[in-house]
Amino acid sequence: MAKLIFEISEDIVDALRLPPGEVEEELRKELALALYQRGVLSSGKACALIGATRWEFEELLGKRRIPRHYTKKDLEEDLRYAKSC
């Protein structure tokens, strides 16, 4: 399993208007939403990245007014992910 770790300087983390305990969760959420919106991450993988259920992710997309896109490849990935759980 590949693991990617990147650093964010302390001054940027301090500048975030978020409670310290929510920084990682919010950054993961923003990354998942941005990658999904750009079409480079499926909804199933975005859910896995943030640890959300499909319904929670759909709700988040609705709140952010991010259009849903769902291809045959997305369906195949989601089915593989569902079978692995």
PDB file of N, CA and C in Angstrom:
ATOM      1  N   MET A   1       0.851  -1.180   0.000  1.00  0.00           N
ATOM      2  CA  MET A   1       0.000   0.000   0.000  1.00  0.00           C
ATOM      3  C   MET A   1       0.894   1.241   0.000  1.00  0.00           C
ATOM      4  N   ALA A   2       0.669   2.112  -0.947  1.00  0.00           N
ATOM      5  CA  ALA A   2       1.415   3.370  -1.003  1.00  0.00           C
ATOM      6  C   ALA A   2       0.797   4.359  -0.022  1.00  0.00           C
ATOM      7  N   LYS A   3       1.648   5.094   0.593  1.00  0.00           N
ATOM      8  CA  LYS A   3       1.183   6.086   1.550  1.00  0.00           C
ATOM      9  C   LYS A   3       1.851   7.406   1.202  1.00  0.00           C
ATOM     10  N   LEU A   4       1.065   8.459   1.080  1.00  0.00           N
ATOM     11  CA  LEU A   4       1.588   9.766   0.742  1.00  0.00           C
ATOM     12  C   LEU A   4       1.465  10.673   1.958  1.00  0.00           C
ATOM     13  N   ILE A   5       2.572  11.258   2.323  1.00  0.00           N
ATOM     14  CA  ILE A   5       2.582  12.194   3.443  1.00  0.00           C
ATOM     15  C   ILE A   5       3.151  13.502   2.927  1.00  0.00           C
ATOM     16  N   PHE A   6       2.456  14.584   3.174  1.00  0.00           N
ATOM     17  CA  PHE A   6       3.010  15.885   2.792  1.00  0.00           C
ATOM     18  C   PHE A   6       2.901  16.831   3.968  1.00  0.00           C
ATOM     19  N   GLU A   7       3.802  17.791   3.984  1.00  0.00           N
ATOM     20  CA  GLU A   7       3.878  18.721   5.097  1.00  0.00           C
ATOM     21  C   GLU A   7       3.207  20.041   4.738  1.00  0.00           C
ATOM     22  N   ILE A   8       2.567  20.603   5.732  1.00  0.00           N
ATOM     23  CA  ILE A   8       1.985  21.939   5.618  1.00  0.00           C
ATOM     24  C   ILE A   8       2.625  22.750   6.730  1.00  0.00           C
ATOM     25  N   SER A   9       3.203  23.861   6.358  1.00  0.00           N
ATOM     26  CA  SER A   9       3.936  24.636   7.356  1.00  0.00           C
ATOM     27  C   SER A   9       3.017  25.092   8.489  1.00  0.00           C
ATOM     28  N   GLU A  10       3.627  25.220   9.647  1.00  0.00           N
ATOM     29  CA  GLU A  10       2.886  25.575  10.859  1.00  0.00           C
ATOM     30  C   GLU A  10       2.161  26.905  10.716  1.00  0.00           C
ATOM     31  N   ASP A  11       2.775  27.869  10.023  1.00  0.00           N
ATOM     32  CA  ASP A  11       2.122  29.172   9.874  1.00  0.00           C
ATOM     33  C   ASP A  11       0.839  29.063   9.054  1.00  0.00           C
ATOM     34  N   ILE A  12       0.806  28.143   8.080  1.00  0.00           N
ATOM     35  CA  ILE A  12      -0.418  27.942   7.304  1.00  0.00           C
ATOM     36  C   ILE A  12      -1.469  27.246   8.152  1.00  0.00           C
ATOM     37  N   VAL A  13      -1.060  26.224   8.888  1.00  0.00           N
ATOM     38  CA  VAL A  13      -2.003  25.524   9.766  1.00  0.00           C
ATOM     39  C   VAL A  13      -2.577  26.504  10.788  1.00  0.00           C
ATOM     40  N   ASP A  14      -1.718  27.346  11.356  1.00  0.00           N
ATOM     41  CA  ASP A  14      -2.181  28.332  12.330  1.00  0.00           C
ATOM     42  C   ASP A  14      -3.142  29.350  11.705  1.00  0.00           C
ATOM     43  N   ALA A  15      -2.961  29.625  10.412  1.00  0.00           N
ATOM     44  CA  ALA A  15      -3.806  30.608   9.731  1.00  0.00           C
ATOM     45  C   ALA A  15      -5.193  30.058   9.398  1.00  0.00           C
ATOM     46  N   LEU A  16      -5.329  28.738   9.417  1.00  0.00           N
ATOM     47  CA  LEU A  16      -6.641  28.146   9.139  1.00  0.00           C
ATOM     48  C   LEU A  16      -7.615  28.527  10.247  1.00  0.00           C
ATOM     49  N   ARG A  17      -8.775  28.883   9.860  1.00  0.00           N
ATOM     50  CA  ARG A  17      -9.799  29.258  10.849  1.00  0.00           C
ATOM     51  C   ARG A  17     -10.606  28.028  11.243  1.00  0.00           C
ATOM     52  N   LEU A  18      -9.871  27.074  11.789  1.00  0.00           N
ATOM     53  CA  LEU A  18     -10.467  25.811  12.207  1.00  0.00           C
ATOM     54  C   LEU A  18      -9.939  25.443  13.584  1.00  0.00           C
ATOM     55  N   PRO A  19     -10.763  24.782  14.387  1.00  0.00           N
ATOM     56  CA  PRO A  19     -10.255  24.275  15.664  1.00  0.00           C
ATOM     57  C   PRO A  19      -9.137  23.263  15.385  1.00  0.00           C
ATOM     58  N   PRO A  20      -8.079  23.260  16.184  1.00  0.00           N
ATOM     59  CA  PRO A  20      -6.932  22.374  15.933  1.00  0.00           C
ATOM     60  C   PRO A  20      -7.307  20.904  15.729  1.00  0.00           C
ATOM     61  N   GLY A  21      -8.290  20.426  16.421  1.00  0.00           N
ATOM     62  CA  GLY A  21      -8.689  19.026  16.292  1.00  0.00           C
ATOM     63  C   GLY A  21      -9.413  18.685  15.003  1.00  0.00           C
ATOM     64  N   GLU A  22      -9.764  19.688  14.212  1.00  0.00           N
ATOM     65  CA  GLU A  22     -10.517  19.449  12.978  1.00  0.00           C
ATOM     66  C   GLU A  22      -9.698  19.671  11.711  1.00  0.00           C
ATOM     67  N   VAL A  23      -8.454  20.095  11.852  1.00  0.00           N
ATOM     68  CA  VAL A  23      -7.652  20.481  10.684  1.00  0.00           C
ATOM     69  C   VAL A  23      -7.477  19.317   9.709  1.00  0.00           C
ATOM     70  N   GLU A  24      -6.991  18.173  10.177  1.00  0.00           N
ATOM     71  CA  GLU A  24      -6.735  17.056   9.263  1.00  0.00           C
ATOM     72  C   GLU A  24      -8.020  16.595   8.578  1.00  0.00           C
ATOM     73  N   GLU A  25      -9.095  16.463   9.341  1.00  0.00           N
ATOM     74  CA  GLU A  25     -10.367  16.020   8.775  1.00  0.00           C
ATOM     75  C   GLU A  25     -10.852  16.981   7.696  1.00  0.00           C
ATOM     76  N   GLU A  26     -10.774  18.273   7.959  1.00  0.00           N
ATOM     77  CA  GLU A  26     -11.237  19.263   6.991  1.00  0.00           C
ATOM     78  C   GLU A  26     -10.361  19.304   5.742  1.00  0.00           C
ATOM     79  N   LEU A  27      -9.050  19.162   5.919  1.00  0.00           N
ATOM     80  CA  LEU A  27      -8.165  19.150   4.753  1.00  0.00           C
ATOM     81  C   LEU A  27      -8.405  17.912   3.892  1.00  0.00           C
ATOM     82  N   ARG A  28      -8.645  16.768   4.522  1.00  0.00           N
ATOM     83  CA  ARG A  28      -8.980  15.556   3.762  1.00  0.00           C
ATOM     84  C   ARG A  28     -10.275  15.760   2.980  1.00  0.00           C
ATOM     85  N   LYS A  29     -11.258  16.362   3.640  1.00  0.00           N
ATOM     86  CA  LYS A  29     -12.543  16.607   3.005  1.00  0.00           C
ATOM     87  C   LYS A  29     -12.380  17.535   1.794  1.00  0.00           C
ATOM     88  N   GLU A  30     -11.622  18.610   1.976  1.00  0.00           N
ATOM     89  CA  GLU A  30     -11.405  19.554   0.873  1.00  0.00           C
ATOM     90  C   GLU A  30     -10.678  18.886  -0.287  1.00  0.00           C
ATOM     91  N   LEU A  31      -9.686  18.052   0.025  1.00  0.00           N
ATOM     92  CA  LEU A  31      -8.947  17.351  -1.015  1.00  0.00           C
ATOM     93  C   LEU A  31      -9.871  16.395  -1.768  1.00  0.00           C
ATOM     94  N   ALA A  32     -10.650  15.623  -1.043  1.00  0.00           N
ATOM     95  CA  ALA A  32     -11.562  14.668  -1.676  1.00  0.00           C
ATOM     96  C   ALA A  32     -12.571  15.378  -2.573  1.00  0.00           C
ATOM     97  N   LEU A  33     -13.146  16.463  -2.084  1.00  0.00           N
ATOM     98  CA  LEU A  33     -14.129  17.200  -2.885  1.00  0.00           C
ATOM     99  C   LEU A  33     -13.502  17.814  -4.136  1.00  0.00           C
ATOM    100  N   ALA A  34     -12.328  18.398  -3.983  1.00  0.00           N
ATOM    101  CA  ALA A  34     -11.667  19.030  -5.127  1.00  0.00           C
ATOM    102  C   ALA A  34     -11.295  17.991  -6.189  1.00  0.00           C
ATOM    103  N   LEU A  35     -10.753  16.858  -5.756  1.00  0.00           N
ATOM    104  CA  LEU A  35     -10.367  15.824  -6.720  1.00  0.00           C
ATOM    105  C   LEU A  35     -11.583  15.203  -7.384  1.00  0.00           C
ATOM    106  N   TYR A  36     -12.645  15.004  -6.629  1.00  0.00           N
ATOM    107  CA  TYR A  36     -13.885  14.489  -7.212  1.00  0.00           C
ATOM    108  C   TYR A  36     -14.442  15.487  -8.237  1.00  0.00           C
ATOM    109  N   GLN A  37     -14.475  16.751  -7.873  1.00  0.00           N
ATOM    110  CA  GLN A  37     -15.025  17.778  -8.751  1.00  0.00           C
ATOM    111  C   GLN A  37     -14.238  17.853 -10.068  1.00  0.00           C
ATOM    112  N   ARG A  38     -12.926  17.673 -10.000  1.00  0.00           N
ATOM    113  CA  ARG A  38     -12.082  17.696 -11.196  1.00  0.00           C
ATOM    114  C   ARG A  38     -12.191  16.412 -12.012  1.00  0.00           C
ATOM    115  N   GLY A  39     -12.823  15.400 -11.443  1.00  0.00           N
ATOM    116  CA  GLY A  39     -13.001  14.144 -12.159  1.00  0.00           C
ATOM    117  C   GLY A  39     -11.808  13.211 -12.088  1.00  0.00           C
ATOM    118  N   VAL A  40     -10.917  13.434 -11.134  1.00  0.00           N
ATOM    119  CA  VAL A  40      -9.743  12.568 -11.018  1.00  0.00           C
ATOM    120  C   VAL A  40      -9.857  11.564  -9.871  1.00  0.00           C
ATOM    121  N   LEU A  41     -10.956  11.611  -9.127  1.00  0.00           N
ATOM    122  CA  LEU A  41     -11.194  10.664  -8.040  1.00  0.00           C
ATOM    123  C   LEU A  41     -12.665  10.270  -8.068  1.00  0.00           C
ATOM    124  N   SER A  42     -12.934   8.973  -8.029  1.00  0.00           N
ATOM    125  CA  SER A  42     -14.324   8.506  -8.032  1.00  0.00           C
ATOM    126  C   SER A  42     -14.998   8.842  -6.704  1.00  0.00           C
ATOM    127  N   SER A  43     -16.294   8.787  -6.707  1.00  0.00           N
ATOM    128  CA  SER A  43     -17.024   9.075  -5.475  1.00  0.00           C
ATOM    129  C   SER A  43     -16.724   8.033  -4.402  1.00  0.00           C
ATOM    130  N   GLY A  44     -16.567   6.777  -4.803  1.00  0.00           N
ATOM    131  CA  GLY A  44     -16.245   5.727  -3.830  1.00  0.00           C
ATOM    132  C   GLY A  44     -14.902   5.950  -3.156  1.00  0.00           C
ATOM    133  N   LYS A  45     -13.911   6.339  -3.945  1.00  0.00           N
ATOM    134  CA  LYS A  45     -12.588   6.609  -3.380  1.00  0.00           C
ATOM    135  C   LYS A  45     -12.592   7.893  -2.557  1.00  0.00           C
ATOM    136  N   ALA A  46     -13.382   8.880  -2.965  1.00  0.00           N
ATOM    137  CA  ALA A  46     -13.503  10.115  -2.181  1.00  0.00           C
ATOM    138  C   ALA A  46     -14.114   9.801  -0.816  1.00  0.00           C
ATOM    139  N   CYS A  47     -15.120   8.936  -0.801  1.00  0.00           N
ATOM    140  CA  CYS A  47     -15.723   8.508   0.467  1.00  0.00           C
ATOM    141  C   CYS A  47     -14.681   7.841   1.349  1.00  0.00           C
ATOM    142  N   ALA A  48     -13.871   6.972   0.747  1.00  0.00           N
ATOM    143  CA  ALA A  48     -12.839   6.260   1.505  1.00  0.00           C
ATOM    144  C   ALA A  48     -11.802   7.239   2.066  1.00  0.00           C
ATOM    145  N   LEU A  49     -11.445   8.247   1.293  1.00  0.00           N
ATOM    146  CA  LEU A  49     -10.455   9.227   1.725  1.00  0.00           C
ATOM    147  C   LEU A  49     -10.908   9.973   2.971  1.00  0.00           C
ATOM    148  N   ILE A  50     -12.196  10.290   3.048  1.00  0.00           N
ATOM    149  CA  ILE A  50     -12.679  11.056   4.198  1.00  0.00           C
ATOM    150  C   ILE A  50     -13.382  10.194   5.243  1.00  0.00           C
ATOM    151  N   GLY A  51     -13.512   8.900   4.963  1.00  0.00           N
ATOM    152  CA  GLY A  51     -14.156   8.014   5.926  1.00  0.00           C
ATOM    153  C   GLY A  51     -15.643   8.269   6.064  1.00  0.00           C
ATOM    154  N   ALA A  52     -16.276   8.584   4.943  1.00  0.00           N
ATOM    155  CA  ALA A  52     -17.711   8.888   4.958  1.00  0.00           C
ATOM    156  C   ALA A  52     -18.490   7.792   4.241  1.00  0.00           C
ATOM    157  N   THR A  53     -19.751   7.679   4.580  1.00  0.00           N
ATOM    158  CA  THR A  53     -20.625   6.783   3.824  1.00  0.00           C
ATOM    159  C   THR A  53     -20.983   7.471   2.510  1.00  0.00           C
ATOM    160  N   ARG A  54     -21.532   6.697   1.619  1.00  0.00           N
ATOM    161  CA  ARG A  54     -21.958   7.244   0.319  1.00  0.00           C
ATOM    162  C   ARG A  54     -22.982   8.359   0.532  1.00  0.00           C
ATOM    163  N   TRP A  55     -23.913   8.144   1.448  1.00  0.00           N
ATOM    164  CA  TRP A  55     -24.961   9.134   1.691  1.00  0.00           C
ATOM    165  C   TRP A  55     -24.392  10.410   2.290  1.00  0.00           C
ATOM    166  N   GLU A  56     -23.428  10.283   3.191  1.00  0.00           N
ATOM    167  CA  GLU A  56     -22.789  11.467   3.776  1.00  0.00           C
ATOM    168  C   GLU A  56     -22.059  12.266   2.699  1.00  0.00           C
ATOM    169  N   PHE A  57     -21.382  11.548   1.791  1.00  0.00           N
ATOM    170  CA  PHE A  57     -20.669  12.233   0.713  1.00  0.00           C
ATOM    171  C   PHE A  57     -21.647  12.926  -0.232  1.00  0.00           C
ATOM    172  N   GLU A  58     -22.731  12.250  -0.564  1.00  0.00           N
ATOM    173  CA  GLU A  58     -23.755  12.852  -1.427  1.00  0.00           C
ATOM    174  C   GLU A  58     -24.325  14.118  -0.788  1.00  0.00           C
ATOM    175  N   GLU A  59     -24.541  14.075   0.505  1.00  0.00           N
ATOM    176  CA  GLU A  59     -25.041  15.244   1.226  1.00  0.00           C
ATOM    177  C   GLU A  59     -24.036  16.397   1.166  1.00  0.00           C
ATOM    178  N   LEU A  60     -22.773  16.060   1.332  1.00  0.00           N
ATOM    179  CA  LEU A  60     -21.712  17.065   1.256  1.00  0.00           C
ATOM    180  C   LEU A  60     -21.645  17.688  -0.144  1.00  0.00           C
ATOM    181  N   LEU A  61     -21.763  16.865  -1.174  1.00  0.00           N
ATOM    182  CA  LEU A  61     -21.787  17.391  -2.543  1.00  0.00           C
ATOM    183  C   LEU A  61     -22.953  18.353  -2.724  1.00  0.00           C
ATOM    184  N   GLY A  62     -24.097  17.990  -2.194  1.00  0.00           N
ATOM    185  CA  GLY A  62     -25.272  18.855  -2.303  1.00  0.00           C
ATOM    186  C   GLY A  62     -25.078  20.184  -1.595  1.00  0.00           C
ATOM    187  N   LYS A  63     -24.518  20.132  -0.394  1.00  0.00           N
ATOM    188  CA  LYS A  63     -24.277  21.365   0.359  1.00  0.00           C
ATOM    189  C   LYS A  63     -23.316  22.288  -0.370  1.00  0.00           C
ATOM    190  N   ARG A  64     -22.330  21.700  -1.051  1.00  0.00           N
ATOM    191  CA  ARG A  64     -21.323  22.485  -1.773  1.00  0.00           C
ATOM    192  C   ARG A  64     -21.749  22.796  -3.213  1.00  0.00           C
ATOM    193  N   ARG A  65     -22.897  22.249  -3.603  1.00  0.00           N
ATOM    194  CA  ARG A  65     -23.415  22.419  -4.974  1.00  0.00           C
ATOM    195  C   ARG A  65     -22.412  21.932  -6.020  1.00  0.00           C
ATOM    196  N   ILE A  66     -21.816  20.801  -5.734  1.00  0.00           N
ATOM    197  CA  ILE A  66     -20.879  20.175  -6.657  1.00  0.00           C
ATOM    198  C   ILE A  66     -21.659  19.156  -7.479  1.00  0.00           C
ATOM    199  N   PRO A  67     -21.642  19.304  -8.805  1.00  0.00           N
ATOM    200  CA  PRO A  67     -22.382  18.357  -9.652  1.00  0.00           C
ATOM    201  C   PRO A  67     -21.837  16.944  -9.524  1.00  0.00           C
ATOM    202  N   ARG A  68     -22.748  15.994  -9.549  1.00  0.00           N
ATOM    203  CA  ARG A  68     -22.356  14.595  -9.476  1.00  0.00           C
ATOM    204  C   ARG A  68     -22.064  14.101 -10.882  1.00  0.00           C
ATOM    205  N   HIS A  69     -21.050  13.293 -11.008  1.00  0.00           N
ATOM    206  CA  HIS A  69     -20.750  12.651 -12.281  1.00  0.00           C
ATOM    207  C   HIS A  69     -20.471  11.192 -11.977  1.00  0.00           C
ATOM    208  N   TYR A  70     -21.025  10.365 -12.783  1.00  0.00           N
ATOM    209  CA  TYR A  70     -20.942   8.941 -12.498  1.00  0.00           C
ATOM    210  C   TYR A  70     -20.807   8.197 -13.807  1.00  0.00           C
ATOM    211  N   THR A  71     -19.668   7.592 -14.002  1.00  0.00           N
ATOM    212  CA  THR A  71     -19.400   6.865 -15.234  1.00  0.00           C
ATOM    213  C   THR A  71     -19.431   5.366 -14.976  1.00  0.00           C
ATOM    214  N   LYS A  72     -19.319   4.622 -16.052  1.00  0.00           N
ATOM    215  CA  LYS A  72     -19.259   3.160 -15.917  1.00  0.00           C
ATOM    216  C   LYS A  72     -18.025   2.768 -15.105  1.00  0.00           C
ATOM    217  N   LYS A  73     -16.908   3.468 -15.316  1.00  0.00           N
ATOM    218  CA  LYS A  73     -15.688   3.193 -14.561  1.00  0.00           C
ATOM    219  C   LYS A  73     -15.918   3.451 -13.069  1.00  0.00           C
ATOM    220  N   ASP A  74     -16.649   4.540 -12.742  1.00  0.00           N
ATOM    221  CA  ASP A  74     -16.969   4.828 -11.341  1.00  0.00           C
ATOM    222  C   ASP A  74     -17.775   3.687 -10.729  1.00  0.00           C
ATOM    223  N   LEU A  75     -18.748   3.194 -11.486  1.00  0.00           N
ATOM    224  CA  LEU A  75     -19.571   2.089 -11.002  1.00  0.00           C
ATOM    225  C   LEU A  75     -18.712   0.861 -10.718  1.00  0.00           C
ATOM    226  N   GLU A  76     -17.814   0.538 -11.633  1.00  0.00           N
ATOM    227  CA  GLU A  76     -16.944  -0.615 -11.442  1.00  0.00           C
ATOM    228  C   GLU A  76     -16.061  -0.449 -10.209  1.00  0.00           C
ATOM    229  N   GLU A  77     -15.490   0.739 -10.012  1.00  0.00           N
ATOM    230  CA  GLU A  77     -14.665   1.002  -8.834  1.00  0.00           C
ATOM    231  C   GLU A  77     -15.482   0.910  -7.555  1.00  0.00           C
ATOM    232  N   ASP A  78     -16.687   1.461  -7.577  1.00  0.00           N
ATOM    233  CA  ASP A  78     -17.537   1.416  -6.394  1.00  0.00           C
ATOM    234  C   ASP A  78     -17.927  -0.017  -6.055  1.00  0.00           C
ATOM    235  N   LEU A  79     -18.199  -0.812  -7.071  1.00  0.00           N
ATOM    236  CA  LEU A  79     -18.540  -2.218  -6.819  1.00  0.00           C
ATOM    237  C   LEU A  79     -17.360  -2.981  -6.242  1.00  0.00           C
ATOM    238  N   ARG A  80     -16.154  -2.736  -6.775  1.00  0.00           N
ATOM    239  CA  ARG A  80     -14.954  -3.366  -6.226  1.00  0.00           C
ATOM    240  C   ARG A  80     -14.753  -2.946  -4.762  1.00  0.00           C
ATOM    241  N   TYR A  81     -14.929  -1.657  -4.506  1.00  0.00           N
ATOM    242  CA  TYR A  81     -14.753  -1.166  -3.139  1.00  0.00           C
ATOM    243  C   TYR A  81     -15.783  -1.796  -2.202  1.00  0.00           C
ATOM    244  N   ALA A  82     -17.032  -1.871  -2.651  1.00  0.00           N
ATOM    245  CA  ALA A  82     -18.094  -2.442  -1.820  1.00  0.00           C
ATOM    246  C   ALA A  82     -17.815  -3.903  -1.498  1.00  0.00           C
ATOM    247  N   LYS A  83     -17.300  -4.622  -2.461  1.00  0.00           N
ATOM    248  CA  LYS A  83     -16.995  -6.042  -2.247  1.00  0.00           C
ATOM    249  C   LYS A  83     -15.823  -6.238  -1.300  1.00  0.00           C
ATOM    250  N   SER A  84     -14.946  -5.245  -1.204  1.00  0.00           N
ATOM    251  CA  SER A  84     -13.771  -5.376  -0.349  1.00  0.00           C
ATOM    252  C   SER A  84     -14.078  -5.065   1.114  1.00  0.00           C
ATOM    253  N   CYS A  85     -15.220  -4.492   1.399  1.00  0.00           N
ATOM    254  CA  CYS A  85     -15.568  -4.110   2.777  1.00  0.00           C
ATOM    255  C   CYS A  85     -16.096  -5.283   3.569  1.00  0.00           C
TER     256      CYS A  85
END
